[in-house]
Amino acid sequence: MYPTLTKRSHFVKIAMIVLFSLGSLGVVGGSFLLRKAFSSSNFPEIVTDTSRYAAIRNELIGYSYPIKHFPATIPNNSKDVKIAYSPGFLQGGSFFQVRLKESPDKVKQLLSQYKGVAKYRYIGGDTNDHTNQPNGVPTTFFYTSETSTDSFPPSYEILVLDAQDKGKPGFKWNHGYSYGVAIDSSTSDIVYWSEQW
């Protein structure tokens, strides 16, 4: 009688260990998959295939995203095109940024054009630097940088075409949007950007 109970007791213990192991594996695996699903929306999707540009731009225009200053298409002669797009998630912000190299004459013409309509102007830095200046407004980070830095170097002029505070009293810039261009005349780079939060 005792050997049968011992065998059953061992069998029950083994079965419980297997069930707990499978349950733990399910929880770990499920949380990993959920984390992957949600975290992919929180980081910019860096797109180097310029054929995706038109689809992203058209989708955002359909949502009245402020990107009318972006080029309608990527010019065929543009070099070193980089795109960063994050659609946002739940209460999170979203951004769209495209960086490309133009001819020095074209960059000079664009700089003159955008300086004439810009509401704010900054030299280098990022949104945190710009917001914390007297009468500063949020801008953007350098999402399309080729380095790990997220600030524009001092060679860039950041021209804010518009910035709207949609926050509640006491929560300045809690919600809103800003958009503009960042231009580096020395390298003939132009970055078109738009952010919502």
Protein backbone atom coordinates (compact mmCIF):
# COMPACT_ATOMS: atom_id res chain seq x y z
CA MET A 1 0.00 0.00 0.00
CA TYR A 2 2.74 2.46 0.84
CA PRO A 3 4.74 1.93 -2.42
CA THR A 4 1.63 2.80 -4.52
CA LEU A 5 1.06 6.03 -2.58
CA THR A 6 4.71 6.92 -2.99
CA LYS A 7 4.52 6.32 -6.76
CA ARG A 8 1.35 8.42 -6.99
CA SER A 9 2.91 11.11 -4.85
CA HIS A 10 5.97 11.23 -7.15
CA PHE A 11 3.73 11.25 -10.20
CA VAL A 12 1.67 14.16 -8.77
CA LYS A 13 4.86 16.10 -7.92
CA ILE A 14 6.28 15.57 -11.42
CA ALA A 15 2.96 16.54 -13.02
CA MET A 16 2.80 19.69 -10.88
CA ILE A 17 6.39 20.64 -11.76
CA VAL A 18 5.66 20.16 -15.47
CA LEU A 19 2.44 22.19 -15.26
CA PHE A 20 4.10 25.02 -13.34
CA SER A 21 7.00 25.02 -15.79
CA LEU A 22 4.66 25.21 -18.77
CA GLY A 23 2.63 27.93 -17.06
CA SER A 24 5.76 29.96 -16.30
CA LEU A 25 6.97 29.50 -19.85
CA GLY A 26 3.59 30.70 -21.13
CA VAL A 27 3.67 33.80 -18.92
CA VAL A 28 7.25 34.67 -19.90
CA GLY A 29 6.61 34.01 -23.59
CA GLY A 30 3.31 35.90 -23.56
CA SER A 31 4.81 38.93 -21.82
CA PHE A 32 7.73 38.92 -24.28
CA LEU A 33 5.32 38.92 -27.24
CA LEU A 34 3.19 41.67 -25.71
CA ARG A 35 6.26 43.76 -24.98
CA LYS A 36 7.47 43.35 -28.56
CA ALA A 37 4.06 44.29 -29.91
CA PHE A 38 3.79 47.45 -27.83
CA SER A 39 7.42 48.51 -27.85
CA SER A 40 7.60 48.53 -31.65
CA SER A 41 5.11 51.43 -31.61
CA ASN A 42 7.17 53.43 -29.14
CA PHE A 43 10.34 53.64 -31.21
CA PRO A 44 10.88 55.34 -34.53
CA GLU A 45 10.74 53.15 -37.56
CA ILE A 46 13.80 54.10 -39.57
CA VAL A 47 12.93 53.72 -43.22
CA THR A 48 15.68 53.83 -45.83
CA ASP A 49 13.50 52.57 -48.67
CA THR A 50 12.32 55.85 -50.17
CA SER A 51 9.38 54.12 -51.85
CA ARG A 52 7.65 54.15 -48.41
CA TYR A 53 7.84 57.96 -48.19
CA ALA A 54 4.81 58.73 -50.38
CA ALA A 55 2.58 56.21 -48.56
CA ILE A 56 3.49 57.60 -45.11
CA ARG A 57 3.08 61.21 -46.28
CA ASN A 58 -0.31 60.53 -47.89
CA GLU A 59 -1.59 58.72 -44.80
CA LEU A 60 -0.54 61.59 -42.52
CA ILE A 61 -2.07 64.22 -44.80
CA GLY A 62 -5.33 62.24 -44.56
CA TYR A 63 -5.16 62.72 -40.77
CA SER A 64 -4.48 66.48 -41.20
CA TYR A 65 -0.94 66.04 -39.88
CA PRO A 66 1.01 69.29 -40.47
CA ILE A 67 3.39 68.13 -43.21
CA LYS A 68 2.40 70.23 -46.23
CA HIS A 69 5.89 71.77 -46.18
CA PHE A 70 7.43 68.31 -46.83
CA PRO A 71 8.31 67.62 -50.47
CA ALA A 72 5.48 65.89 -52.37
CA THR A 73 8.00 63.27 -53.51
CA ILE A 74 11.65 62.59 -52.84
CA PRO A 75 13.53 64.23 -55.73
CA ASN A 76 15.34 61.68 -57.90
CA ASN A 77 18.68 63.46 -57.49
CA SER A 78 18.49 63.57 -53.67
CA LYS A 79 21.24 61.75 -51.82
CA ASP A 80 21.56 60.19 -48.39
CA VAL A 81 17.81 60.12 -47.77
CA LYS A 82 16.86 59.11 -44.22
CA ILE A 83 13.33 58.81 -42.87
CA ALA A 84 12.16 58.41 -39.27
CA TYR A 85 8.50 57.86 -38.56
CA SER A 86 6.68 56.95 -35.38
CA PRO A 87 2.89 56.85 -35.49
CA GLY A 88 2.58 57.19 -31.72
CA PHE A 89 0.66 54.92 -29.40
CA LEU A 90 -2.28 55.69 -27.11
CA GLN A 91 -1.31 58.97 -25.39
CA GLY A 92 2.21 58.94 -26.84
CA GLY A 93 3.45 61.50 -29.31
CA SER A 94 4.15 60.93 -32.96
CA PHE A 95 6.70 62.31 -35.38
CA PHE A 96 7.71 62.24 -39.01
CA GLN A 97 11.10 63.37 -40.23
CA VAL A 98 12.91 63.15 -43.56
CA ARG A 99 16.49 64.18 -44.15
CA LEU A 100 18.05 64.58 -47.56
CA LYS A 101 20.94 66.26 -49.29
CA GLU A 102 20.23 68.91 -51.92
CA SER A 103 22.46 71.00 -54.15
CA PRO A 104 24.09 73.99 -52.38
CA ASP A 105 22.03 76.40 -54.53
CA LYS A 106 18.76 74.63 -53.66
CA VAL A 107 19.61 74.63 -49.94
CA LYS A 108 20.44 78.34 -50.09
CA GLN A 109 17.09 79.03 -51.77
CA LEU A 110 15.18 76.88 -49.23
CA LEU A 111 16.95 78.54 -46.29
CA SER A 112 15.96 81.97 -47.58
CA GLN A 113 12.37 80.82 -48.22
CA TYR A 114 11.86 79.25 -44.78
CA LYS A 115 13.64 82.03 -42.86
CA GLY A 116 11.08 84.44 -44.28
CA VAL A 117 8.13 82.53 -42.77
CA ALA A 118 9.64 80.94 -39.64
CA LYS A 119 8.07 81.93 -36.32
CA TYR A 120 11.07 80.77 -34.26
CA ARG A 121 14.73 80.13 -35.05
CA TYR A 122 17.31 78.10 -33.13
CA ILE A 123 20.92 77.15 -33.76
CA GLY A 124 21.63 73.48 -33.04
CA GLY A 125 20.19 71.64 -30.04
CA ASP A 126 16.99 69.66 -29.60
CA THR A 127 13.44 70.10 -28.37
CA ASN A 128 14.47 70.18 -24.69
CA ASP A 129 17.02 72.95 -25.34
CA HIS A 130 14.57 74.98 -27.40
CA THR A 131 11.59 74.62 -25.03
CA ASN A 132 13.66 75.78 -22.06
CA GLN A 133 14.79 79.03 -23.68
CA PRO A 134 12.90 82.25 -22.88
CA ASN A 135 9.69 82.14 -24.99
CA GLY A 136 10.91 78.79 -26.33
CA VAL A 137 8.77 76.20 -28.07
CA PRO A 138 9.12 72.43 -28.53
CA THR A 139 10.78 71.39 -31.77
CA THR A 140 12.20 67.93 -32.46
CA PHE A 141 15.10 65.56 -31.86
CA PHE A 142 17.57 64.66 -34.61
CA TYR A 143 15.93 61.28 -35.34
CA THR A 144 17.60 60.99 -38.75
CA SER A 145 21.12 61.54 -37.43
CA GLU A 146 23.74 59.03 -38.52
CA THR A 147 25.18 58.99 -35.00
CA SER A 148 23.70 58.15 -31.62
CA THR A 149 23.23 61.83 -30.79
CA ASP A 150 19.69 63.16 -30.80
CA SER A 151 20.65 66.86 -30.88
CA PHE A 152 21.32 68.89 -33.98
CA PRO A 153 24.92 70.12 -34.20
CA PRO A 154 25.49 73.92 -34.19
CA SER A 155 25.83 73.87 -37.99
CA TYR A 156 22.04 73.40 -38.25
CA GLU A 157 19.48 76.22 -38.23
CA ILE A 158 16.18 74.95 -36.85
CA LEU A 159 13.33 76.99 -38.29
CA VAL A 160 9.94 76.49 -36.64
CA LEU A 161 7.17 77.21 -39.11
CA ASP A 162 4.47 76.80 -36.47
CA ALA A 163 4.01 75.51 -32.92
CA GLN A 164 0.67 75.28 -31.14
CA ASP A 165 0.19 74.66 -27.43
CA LYS A 166 -2.91 72.50 -26.90
CA GLY A 167 -2.30 71.91 -23.19
CA LYS A 168 -4.56 72.92 -20.32
CA PRO A 169 -3.80 75.89 -18.07
CA GLY A 170 -0.98 74.90 -15.73
CA PHE A 171 0.19 72.16 -18.14
CA LYS A 172 1.91 74.20 -20.84
CA TRP A 173 2.84 72.16 -23.91
CA ASN A 174 1.26 69.02 -22.42
CA HIS A 175 -0.38 68.54 -25.83
CA GLY A 176 0.31 70.30 -29.08
CA TYR A 177 2.30 70.20 -32.26
CA SER A 178 5.21 71.86 -34.02
CA TYR A 179 6.74 71.57 -37.44
CA GLY A 180 9.49 73.08 -39.54
CA VAL A 181 12.85 72.46 -41.15
CA ALA A 182 16.44 72.14 -39.98
CA ILE A 183 19.07 73.18 -42.51
CA ASP A 184 22.84 72.69 -42.53
CA SER A 185 24.21 74.92 -45.31
CA SER A 186 27.73 73.54 -44.89
CA THR A 187 26.67 69.99 -45.84
CA SER A 188 23.60 70.91 -47.96
CA ASP A 189 21.36 68.83 -45.66
CA ILE A 190 17.73 69.66 -45.01
CA VAL A 191 15.55 67.94 -42.43
CA TYR A 192 11.79 68.31 -42.70
CA TRP A 193 10.07 67.53 -39.39
CA SER A 194 6.67 67.46 -37.75
CA GLU A 195 5.74 66.38 -34.20
CA GLN A 196 2.51 65.92 -32.30
CA TRP A 197 2.10 65.02 -28.64
